[in-house]
């Protein structure tokens, strides 16, 4: 695999999106139906422009302080702005980014999901699960290589 991980091979390309004006209940129902932990919030005019992200954590934060969530929209609870998190700057300049850089970004910012934005357009998302799965493959390969050296 080398030092670089091609984003295309790690990220999930089919990102579930929603516009910020949609009811919060709709976003929750989509997340339940699709068994996902987040929805990327995009512009109605440009569905590739990321405005924010709505996650399980956002929902937990809001239900503890609001009694009636039926009147809320996604905009009321989403984490925004996403580009304030330096994701476009990190990713768009480097089509190849190391797994270490992705995991460092996730750890530093406390992210469990990172929308991948290139030239202002949403192209995918990387989750903790994706990173863990890739680390597992790398570790397995290194362990296999380590033990197979002695067998030669």
N, C-alpha and C. Protein backbone atom coordinates (compact mmCIF):
# COMPACT_ATOMS: atom_id res chain seq x y z
N UNK A 1 0.81 -1.20 0.00
CA UNK A 1 0.00 0.00 0.00
C UNK A 1 0.85 1.26 0.00
N UNK A 2 2.04 1.18 0.47
CA UNK A 2 2.91 2.34 0.48
C UNK A 2 2.49 3.34 1.54
N UNK A 3 3.11 4.52 1.49
CA UNK A 3 2.83 5.54 2.48
C UNK A 3 1.53 6.28 2.23
N UNK A 4 1.05 6.26 1.00
CA UNK A 4 -0.15 7.01 0.67
C UNK A 4 -1.32 6.09 0.44
N UNK A 5 -2.47 6.55 0.85
CA UNK A 5 -3.71 5.84 0.62
C UNK A 5 -4.49 6.67 -0.39
N UNK A 6 -4.94 6.03 -1.43
CA UNK A 6 -5.73 6.75 -2.42
C UNK A 6 -7.13 6.92 -1.83
N UNK A 7 -7.55 8.16 -1.68
CA UNK A 7 -8.85 8.46 -1.08
C UNK A 7 -9.97 7.68 -1.73
N UNK A 8 -9.89 7.57 -3.02
CA UNK A 8 -10.91 6.89 -3.80
C UNK A 8 -11.15 5.46 -3.32
N UNK A 9 -10.11 4.81 -2.81
CA UNK A 9 -10.24 3.42 -2.39
C UNK A 9 -10.70 3.29 -0.94
N UNK A 10 -10.63 4.37 -0.18
CA UNK A 10 -10.98 4.32 1.23
C UNK A 10 -12.36 4.91 1.50
N UNK A 11 -12.66 6.01 0.83
CA UNK A 11 -13.88 6.74 1.14
C UNK A 11 -15.12 6.05 0.58
N UNK A 12 -16.22 6.40 1.19
CA UNK A 12 -17.52 5.97 0.69
C UNK A 12 -17.98 7.04 -0.30
N UNK A 13 -18.27 6.63 -1.51
CA UNK A 13 -18.61 7.61 -2.55
C UNK A 13 -20.10 7.96 -2.56
N UNK A 14 -20.93 7.06 -2.07
CA UNK A 14 -22.37 7.32 -2.04
C UNK A 14 -22.71 7.96 -0.70
N UNK A 15 -22.62 9.27 -0.68
CA UNK A 15 -22.87 10.04 0.54
C UNK A 15 -24.35 10.41 0.60
N UNK A 16 -24.96 10.14 1.73
CA UNK A 16 -26.36 10.54 1.93
C UNK A 16 -26.36 12.02 2.30
N UNK A 17 -27.15 12.79 1.57
CA UNK A 17 -27.20 14.23 1.78
C UNK A 17 -28.63 14.69 2.03
N UNK A 18 -28.73 15.90 2.56
CA UNK A 18 -30.03 16.53 2.82
C UNK A 18 -29.81 18.04 2.76
N UNK A 19 -30.85 18.78 2.47
CA UNK A 19 -30.74 20.24 2.51
C UNK A 19 -31.13 20.74 3.89
N UNK A 20 -30.61 21.91 4.24
CA UNK A 20 -30.76 22.42 5.60
C UNK A 20 -32.19 22.80 5.98
N UNK A 21 -33.05 22.99 4.99
CA UNK A 21 -34.43 23.38 5.27
C UNK A 21 -35.36 22.20 5.57
N UNK A 22 -34.86 20.99 5.41
CA UNK A 22 -35.70 19.80 5.64
C UNK A 22 -35.94 19.61 7.13
N UNK A 23 -37.09 19.01 7.48
CA UNK A 23 -37.37 18.76 8.90
C UNK A 23 -36.35 17.81 9.53
N UNK A 24 -36.02 18.08 10.77
CA UNK A 24 -35.09 17.25 11.51
C UNK A 24 -35.58 15.80 11.57
N UNK A 25 -36.86 15.62 11.75
CA UNK A 25 -37.44 14.27 11.81
C UNK A 25 -37.16 13.50 10.52
N UNK A 26 -37.21 14.17 9.40
CA UNK A 26 -36.92 13.54 8.11
C UNK A 26 -35.47 13.04 8.08
N UNK A 27 -34.55 13.87 8.56
CA UNK A 27 -33.14 13.47 8.60
C UNK A 27 -32.97 12.25 9.50
N UNK A 28 -33.62 12.26 10.65
CA UNK A 28 -33.53 11.13 11.58
C UNK A 28 -34.09 9.84 10.96
N UNK A 29 -35.21 9.97 10.27
CA UNK A 29 -35.80 8.80 9.62
C UNK A 29 -34.90 8.23 8.53
N UNK A 30 -34.25 9.11 7.78
CA UNK A 30 -33.31 8.66 6.75
C UNK A 30 -32.15 7.90 7.40
N UNK A 31 -31.62 8.47 8.48
CA UNK A 31 -30.49 7.83 9.16
C UNK A 31 -30.88 6.45 9.70
N UNK A 32 -32.08 6.34 10.24
CA UNK A 32 -32.56 5.04 10.74
C UNK A 32 -32.73 4.06 9.58
N UNK A 33 -33.40 4.50 8.53
CA UNK A 33 -33.68 3.64 7.37
C UNK A 33 -32.39 3.13 6.73
N UNK A 34 -31.41 4.00 6.60
CA UNK A 34 -30.16 3.63 5.92
C UNK A 34 -29.10 3.11 6.88
N UNK A 35 -29.41 3.11 8.18
CA UNK A 35 -28.48 2.63 9.21
C UNK A 35 -27.13 3.36 9.13
N UNK A 36 -27.21 4.69 9.16
CA UNK A 36 -26.01 5.53 9.08
C UNK A 36 -25.97 6.48 10.27
N UNK A 37 -24.80 7.02 10.56
CA UNK A 37 -24.62 7.89 11.71
C UNK A 37 -24.57 9.36 11.39
N UNK A 38 -24.67 9.71 10.10
CA UNK A 38 -24.63 11.13 9.74
C UNK A 38 -25.23 11.35 8.36
N UNK A 39 -25.59 12.60 8.14
CA UNK A 39 -26.03 13.05 6.81
C UNK A 39 -25.29 14.35 6.54
N UNK A 40 -24.72 14.46 5.37
CA UNK A 40 -24.03 15.69 4.98
C UNK A 40 -25.08 16.67 4.48
N UNK A 41 -25.02 17.90 4.99
CA UNK A 41 -25.99 18.93 4.63
C UNK A 41 -25.42 19.74 3.47
N UNK A 42 -26.19 19.80 2.39
CA UNK A 42 -25.73 20.46 1.16
C UNK A 42 -26.67 21.59 0.77
N UNK A 43 -26.17 22.43 -0.12
CA UNK A 43 -26.95 23.54 -0.66
C UNK A 43 -28.03 23.02 -1.60
N UNK A 44 -29.20 23.64 -1.53
CA UNK A 44 -30.27 23.26 -2.45
C UNK A 44 -29.88 23.61 -3.89
N UNK A 45 -29.20 24.75 -4.07
CA UNK A 45 -28.80 25.19 -5.41
C UNK A 45 -27.66 24.36 -5.98
N UNK A 46 -26.73 23.96 -5.13
CA UNK A 46 -25.58 23.17 -5.58
C UNK A 46 -25.42 21.97 -4.65
N UNK A 47 -25.94 20.81 -5.05
CA UNK A 47 -25.92 19.63 -4.17
C UNK A 47 -24.52 19.08 -3.88
N UNK A 48 -23.49 19.68 -4.46
CA UNK A 48 -22.11 19.27 -4.16
C UNK A 48 -21.46 20.20 -3.14
N UNK A 49 -22.14 21.31 -2.81
CA UNK A 49 -21.58 22.29 -1.87
C UNK A 49 -22.02 21.91 -0.45
N UNK A 50 -21.04 21.61 0.39
CA UNK A 50 -21.31 21.19 1.76
C UNK A 50 -21.51 22.41 2.65
N UNK A 51 -22.64 22.42 3.37
CA UNK A 51 -22.94 23.50 4.30
C UNK A 51 -22.70 23.07 5.74
N UNK A 52 -22.78 21.79 5.98
CA UNK A 52 -22.62 21.28 7.34
C UNK A 52 -22.76 19.77 7.36
N UNK A 53 -22.85 19.23 8.57
CA UNK A 53 -23.04 17.80 8.75
C UNK A 53 -23.96 17.60 9.95
N UNK A 54 -24.90 16.68 9.83
CA UNK A 54 -25.80 16.35 10.92
C UNK A 54 -25.45 14.94 11.37
N UNK A 55 -25.10 14.80 12.66
CA UNK A 55 -24.65 13.51 13.18
C UNK A 55 -25.50 13.08 14.37
N UNK A 56 -25.26 11.84 14.79
CA UNK A 56 -25.93 11.32 15.99
C UNK A 56 -25.64 12.22 17.19
N UNK A 57 -24.43 12.70 17.28
CA UNK A 57 -24.05 13.58 18.40
C UNK A 57 -24.88 14.87 18.40
N UNK A 58 -25.11 15.43 17.21
CA UNK A 58 -25.95 16.64 17.10
C UNK A 58 -27.35 16.36 17.63
N UNK A 59 -27.89 15.21 17.28
CA UNK A 59 -29.23 14.84 17.73
C UNK A 59 -29.28 14.67 19.25
N UNK A 60 -28.30 13.99 19.80
CA UNK A 60 -28.25 13.80 21.25
C UNK A 60 -28.14 15.13 21.98
N UNK A 61 -27.34 16.02 21.43
CA UNK A 61 -27.16 17.34 22.04
C UNK A 61 -28.48 18.11 22.08
N UNK A 62 -29.26 18.04 21.02
CA UNK A 62 -30.48 18.83 20.93
C UNK A 62 -31.63 18.22 21.71
N UNK A 63 -31.76 16.91 21.74
CA UNK A 63 -32.91 16.32 22.44
C UNK A 63 -32.84 16.50 23.95
N UNK A 64 -31.66 16.78 24.46
CA UNK A 64 -31.55 17.01 25.90
C UNK A 64 -32.01 18.41 26.31
N UNK A 65 -32.10 19.34 25.35
CA UNK A 65 -32.49 20.70 25.71
C UNK A 65 -33.80 21.17 25.06
N UNK A 66 -34.29 20.44 24.07
CA UNK A 66 -35.51 20.84 23.37
C UNK A 66 -36.58 19.77 23.58
N UNK A 67 -37.77 20.20 23.94
CA UNK A 67 -38.84 19.23 24.21
C UNK A 67 -39.53 18.77 22.93
N UNK A 68 -39.67 19.65 21.97
CA UNK A 68 -40.41 19.31 20.75
C UNK A 68 -39.50 19.47 19.54
N UNK A 69 -38.95 18.37 19.07
CA UNK A 69 -38.03 18.45 17.93
C UNK A 69 -38.76 18.45 16.59
N UNK A 70 -40.08 18.24 16.62
CA UNK A 70 -40.85 18.18 15.37
C UNK A 70 -40.85 19.50 14.61
N UNK A 71 -40.61 20.61 15.30
CA UNK A 71 -40.62 21.92 14.64
C UNK A 71 -39.24 22.34 14.15
N UNK A 72 -38.22 21.55 14.42
CA UNK A 72 -36.85 21.91 14.05
C UNK A 72 -36.52 21.47 12.63
N UNK A 73 -35.60 22.21 12.01
CA UNK A 73 -35.06 21.80 10.72
C UNK A 73 -33.62 21.32 10.93
N UNK A 74 -33.06 20.74 9.91
CA UNK A 74 -31.68 20.29 9.96
C UNK A 74 -30.75 21.47 10.28
N UNK A 75 -31.04 22.63 9.73
CA UNK A 75 -30.21 23.83 9.96
C UNK A 75 -30.12 24.20 11.44
N UNK A 76 -31.16 23.87 12.20
CA UNK A 76 -31.18 24.21 13.63
C UNK A 76 -30.16 23.42 14.45
N UNK A 77 -29.74 22.27 13.95
CA UNK A 77 -28.89 21.39 14.77
C UNK A 77 -27.60 20.93 14.11
N UNK A 78 -27.44 21.18 12.82
CA UNK A 78 -26.25 20.67 12.12
C UNK A 78 -24.98 21.35 12.62
N UNK A 79 -23.87 20.67 12.44
CA UNK A 79 -22.56 21.24 12.72
C UNK A 79 -22.13 22.00 11.47
N UNK A 80 -21.83 23.27 11.65
CA UNK A 80 -21.49 24.10 10.50
C UNK A 80 -20.64 25.28 10.99
N UNK A 81 -19.77 25.82 10.17
CA UNK A 81 -19.48 25.43 8.80
C UNK A 81 -18.47 24.29 8.75
N UNK A 82 -18.61 23.44 7.77
CA UNK A 82 -17.67 22.34 7.61
C UNK A 82 -16.32 22.86 7.16
N UNK A 83 -16.29 23.85 6.26
CA UNK A 83 -15.00 24.34 5.78
C UNK A 83 -14.24 25.09 6.87
N UNK A 84 -14.93 25.43 7.96
CA UNK A 84 -14.24 26.00 9.10
C UNK A 84 -13.39 24.96 9.82
N UNK A 85 -13.54 23.74 9.43
CA UNK A 85 -12.80 22.64 10.03
C UNK A 85 -11.55 22.31 9.20
N UNK A 86 -11.25 23.14 8.21
CA UNK A 86 -10.06 22.99 7.36
C UNK A 86 -10.06 21.73 6.51
N UNK A 87 -11.19 21.09 6.36
CA UNK A 87 -11.23 19.87 5.55
C UNK A 87 -10.94 20.16 4.08
N UNK A 88 -11.60 21.17 3.47
CA UNK A 88 -11.30 21.41 2.06
C UNK A 88 -9.84 21.77 1.83
N UNK A 89 -9.24 22.57 2.73
CA UNK A 89 -7.85 22.98 2.54
C UNK A 89 -6.93 21.78 2.59
N UNK A 90 -7.16 20.88 3.50
CA UNK A 90 -6.29 19.70 3.65
C UNK A 90 -6.44 18.78 2.46
N UNK A 91 -7.67 18.52 2.08
CA UNK A 91 -7.92 17.49 1.09
C UNK A 91 -7.76 17.98 -0.34
N UNK A 92 -8.26 19.17 -0.66
CA UNK A 92 -8.30 19.58 -2.06
C UNK A 92 -6.93 19.79 -2.66
N UNK A 93 -5.93 20.10 -1.84
CA UNK A 93 -4.59 20.30 -2.39
C UNK A 93 -3.84 19.00 -2.58
N UNK A 94 -4.34 17.94 -2.00
CA UNK A 94 -3.63 16.67 -2.04
C UNK A 94 -4.57 15.53 -2.41
N UNK A 95 -4.62 15.15 -3.68
CA UNK A 95 -5.50 14.05 -4.06
C UNK A 95 -5.09 12.75 -3.37
N UNK A 96 -3.84 12.65 -2.98
CA UNK A 96 -3.37 11.52 -2.19
C UNK A 96 -3.10 12.06 -0.80
N UNK A 97 -3.69 11.46 0.19
CA UNK A 97 -3.45 11.91 1.56
C UNK A 97 -3.16 10.69 2.41
N UNK A 98 -2.25 10.81 3.32
CA UNK A 98 -1.88 9.64 4.10
C UNK A 98 -2.98 9.30 5.08
N UNK A 99 -3.07 8.02 5.37
CA UNK A 99 -4.03 7.54 6.36
C UNK A 99 -3.73 8.19 7.70
N UNK A 100 -2.47 8.40 7.98
CA UNK A 100 -2.08 9.03 9.24
C UNK A 100 -2.68 10.44 9.33
N UNK A 101 -2.59 11.21 8.23
CA UNK A 101 -3.13 12.57 8.25
C UNK A 101 -4.65 12.56 8.48
N UNK A 102 -5.34 11.63 7.84
CA UNK A 102 -6.78 11.53 8.03
C UNK A 102 -7.09 11.19 9.48
N UNK A 103 -6.40 10.18 10.03
CA UNK A 103 -6.69 9.79 11.41
C UNK A 103 -6.26 10.86 12.40
N UNK A 104 -5.19 11.60 12.11
CA UNK A 104 -4.79 12.71 12.97
C UNK A 104 -5.84 13.81 12.97
N UNK A 105 -6.39 14.12 11.80
CA UNK A 105 -7.43 15.12 11.69
C UNK A 105 -8.66 14.68 12.50
N UNK A 106 -9.04 13.43 12.35
CA UNK A 106 -10.20 12.91 13.08
C UNK A 106 -9.97 12.96 14.59
N UNK A 107 -8.77 12.58 15.01
CA UNK A 107 -8.46 12.58 16.44
C UNK A 107 -8.40 14.01 16.99
N UNK A 108 -7.70 14.88 16.29
CA UNK A 108 -7.51 16.26 16.76
C UNK A 108 -8.84 17.00 16.90
N UNK A 109 -9.71 16.81 15.91
CA UNK A 109 -10.98 17.55 15.90
C UNK A 109 -12.12 16.76 16.56
N UNK A 110 -11.87 15.50 16.92
CA UNK A 110 -12.92 14.68 17.53
C UNK A 110 -13.97 14.22 16.53
N UNK A 111 -13.57 14.11 15.27
CA UNK A 111 -14.50 13.69 14.21
C UNK A 111 -14.61 12.17 14.19
N UNK A 112 -15.79 11.69 13.85
CA UNK A 112 -15.96 10.28 13.55
C UNK A 112 -16.21 10.11 12.06
N UNK A 113 -16.45 11.23 11.40
CA UNK A 113 -16.72 11.22 9.97
C UNK A 113 -16.09 12.47 9.35
N UNK A 114 -15.49 12.31 8.17
CA UNK A 114 -14.88 13.46 7.50
C UNK A 114 -15.39 13.52 6.06
N UNK A 115 -16.21 14.54 5.74
CA UNK A 115 -16.61 14.70 4.34
C UNK A 115 -15.37 15.02 3.51
N UNK A 116 -15.27 14.41 2.35
CA UNK A 116 -14.14 14.65 1.45
C UNK A 116 -14.60 15.64 0.39
N UNK A 117 -13.95 16.79 0.40
CA UNK A 117 -14.32 17.88 -0.49
C UNK A 117 -13.11 18.22 -1.35
N UNK A 118 -13.30 18.19 -2.65
CA UNK A 118 -12.22 18.54 -3.57
C UNK A 118 -12.74 19.66 -4.47
N UNK A 119 -12.01 20.75 -4.51
CA UNK A 119 -12.37 21.93 -5.31
C UNK A 119 -13.80 22.37 -5.00
N UNK A 120 -14.14 22.37 -3.71
CA UNK A 120 -15.45 22.84 -3.28
C UNK A 120 -16.60 21.88 -3.48
N UNK A 121 -16.32 20.67 -3.96
CA UNK A 121 -17.38 19.70 -4.24
C UNK A 121 -17.25 18.47 -3.36
N UNK A 122 -18.37 18.02 -2.83
CA UNK A 122 -18.43 16.80 -2.03
C UNK A 122 -18.21 15.61 -2.94
N UNK A 123 -17.20 14.79 -2.64
CA UNK A 123 -16.94 13.62 -3.47
C UNK A 123 -17.04 12.31 -2.68
N UNK A 124 -17.12 12.41 -1.36
CA UNK A 124 -17.22 11.20 -0.56
C UNK A 124 -17.14 11.52 0.92
N UNK A 125 -17.06 10.46 1.73
CA UNK A 125 -16.94 10.61 3.17
C UNK A 125 -16.09 9.46 3.70
N UNK A 126 -15.27 9.76 4.69
CA UNK A 126 -14.47 8.72 5.35
C UNK A 126 -14.92 8.68 6.80
N UNK A 127 -15.16 7.46 7.30
CA UNK A 127 -15.61 7.28 8.67
C UNK A 127 -14.54 6.58 9.49
N UNK A 128 -14.74 6.59 10.80
CA UNK A 128 -13.83 5.85 11.68
C UNK A 128 -13.77 4.38 11.26
N UNK A 129 -14.90 3.84 10.87
CA UNK A 129 -14.95 2.44 10.44
C UNK A 129 -14.07 2.21 9.23
N UNK A 130 -14.10 3.13 8.26
CA UNK A 130 -13.26 3.01 7.07
C UNK A 130 -11.78 3.01 7.44
N UNK A 131 -11.40 3.93 8.34
CA UNK A 131 -10.00 4.03 8.78
C UNK A 131 -9.59 2.76 9.53
N UNK A 132 -10.45 2.29 10.42
CA UNK A 132 -10.15 1.08 11.18
C UNK A 132 -9.99 -0.12 10.25
N UNK A 133 -10.89 -0.24 9.28
CA UNK A 133 -10.83 -1.35 8.32
C UNK A 133 -9.52 -1.33 7.56
N UNK A 134 -9.08 -0.13 7.15
CA UNK A 134 -7.83 -0.01 6.40
C UNK A 134 -6.62 -0.31 7.28
N UNK A 135 -6.63 0.21 8.52
CA UNK A 135 -5.55 -0.11 9.45
C UNK A 135 -5.45 -1.62 9.66
N UNK A 136 -6.58 -2.27 9.78
CA UNK A 136 -6.62 -3.72 9.99
C UNK A 136 -5.94 -4.45 8.81
N UNK A 137 -6.25 -4.03 7.59
CA UNK A 137 -5.62 -4.63 6.40
C UNK A 137 -4.11 -4.42 6.42
N UNK A 138 -3.68 -3.21 6.76
CA UNK A 138 -2.26 -2.89 6.79
C UNK A 138 -1.54 -3.72 7.86
N UNK A 139 -2.14 -3.79 9.04
CA UNK A 139 -1.53 -4.57 10.13
C UNK A 139 -1.46 -6.05 9.75
N UNK A 140 -2.53 -6.59 9.18
CA UNK A 140 -2.53 -8.00 8.75
C UNK A 140 -1.41 -8.27 7.75
N UNK A 141 -1.24 -7.35 6.80
CA UNK A 141 -0.20 -7.54 5.79
C UNK A 141 1.18 -7.52 6.44
N UNK A 142 1.40 -6.58 7.35
CA UNK A 142 2.71 -6.49 8.01
C UNK A 142 2.98 -7.71 8.88
N UNK A 143 1.98 -8.20 9.57
CA UNK A 143 2.15 -9.40 10.38
C UNK A 143 2.45 -10.59 9.49
N UNK A 144 1.70 -10.71 8.39
CA UNK A 144 1.94 -11.80 7.44
C UNK A 144 3.36 -11.71 6.89
N UNK A 145 3.79 -10.52 6.48
CA UNK A 145 5.14 -10.33 5.94
C UNK A 145 6.19 -10.66 6.99
N UNK A 146 5.96 -10.27 8.23
CA UNK A 146 6.90 -10.52 9.32
C UNK A 146 7.10 -12.00 9.54
N UNK A 147 6.02 -12.75 9.57
CA UNK A 147 6.12 -14.19 9.84
C UNK A 147 6.50 -15.00 8.61
N UNK A 148 6.19 -14.51 7.43
CA UNK A 148 6.55 -15.27 6.24
C UNK A 148 8.02 -15.09 5.88
N UNK A 149 8.69 -14.07 6.40
CA UNK A 149 10.12 -13.86 6.17
C UNK A 149 10.89 -15.02 6.79
N UNK A 150 10.50 -15.45 7.97
CA UNK A 150 11.18 -16.54 8.64
C UNK A 150 10.95 -17.90 8.00
N UNK A 151 9.90 -18.03 7.19
CA UNK A 151 9.56 -19.29 6.55
C UNK A 151 10.37 -19.52 5.27
N UNK A 152 11.04 -18.52 4.80
CA UNK A 152 11.73 -18.64 3.50
C UNK A 152 13.04 -19.33 3.63
